[in-house]
Amino acid sequence: MARVHVVQREALSVDDLARLLAWLEEAYGDPIGSWRRETWTDVGPGPHFMVYDTTGELLAHACIDWVSVTIGERTLGAGCLEAVATRIDVRGKGLGSMVAEAAGREIEAHTEIGILGTGSIPFYERRGWIRWTGPTSVTEPDGSITRTAEEDGAIMALMLPQTPAWVRPDLPIRRPRRDPEEPW
């Protein structure tokens, strides 16, 4: 039976991260070399959740970026679920669900709310994530704020037992910019 391995970011070498980036490009159907090499710097130090086959080949992956989000005018600690993917030939076997759910438990253990940006809304809704309906924006490295209307409707939240009661998905939400090309 497949199991999820939790690998801390610092345990992954530069070569490991380069291989993982190429694996993700392939899993997402993007051209090899199309993702920014700085992806792992931008995503941050959170743990990686991986499922391997019996030969050690990676089958599914997810990771967490620990960020602060501002909802309305208040800031919360958040776990941003990132880079959830399953190798194309093993999709539909629950491996993506395994890594997403393992990451969700880690988010619940360490933050006040989970967030993610996705085009796969039904996949996450089945796991308890809700669509954020409020306006989205990002804080730029220089401290300015940029409205990200293109992200409206694609942001989801995982409400946790410790999520403050005042948090509502219709409130404005803002996070630090993820990278120069992808704000969320």
Foldseek 3Di string as FASTA:
>chain_A
DKAKDKAWQVNADLVNVLVVVQQLCVQVVHDRPPDDSCLDVLQDGWIKIFIADPVRHTFWIKTWRWWWKAWANDIWIETEIDSTGGRPVPPPPCRSVNRVVVVVVVRQVPIQKYKYFDPPVVVVVVVQKAFQQAWEWEQEPVRDIGTDNVRHRRMIMRHYPNHDPVDDSRTYMYIHQSDPVGRD
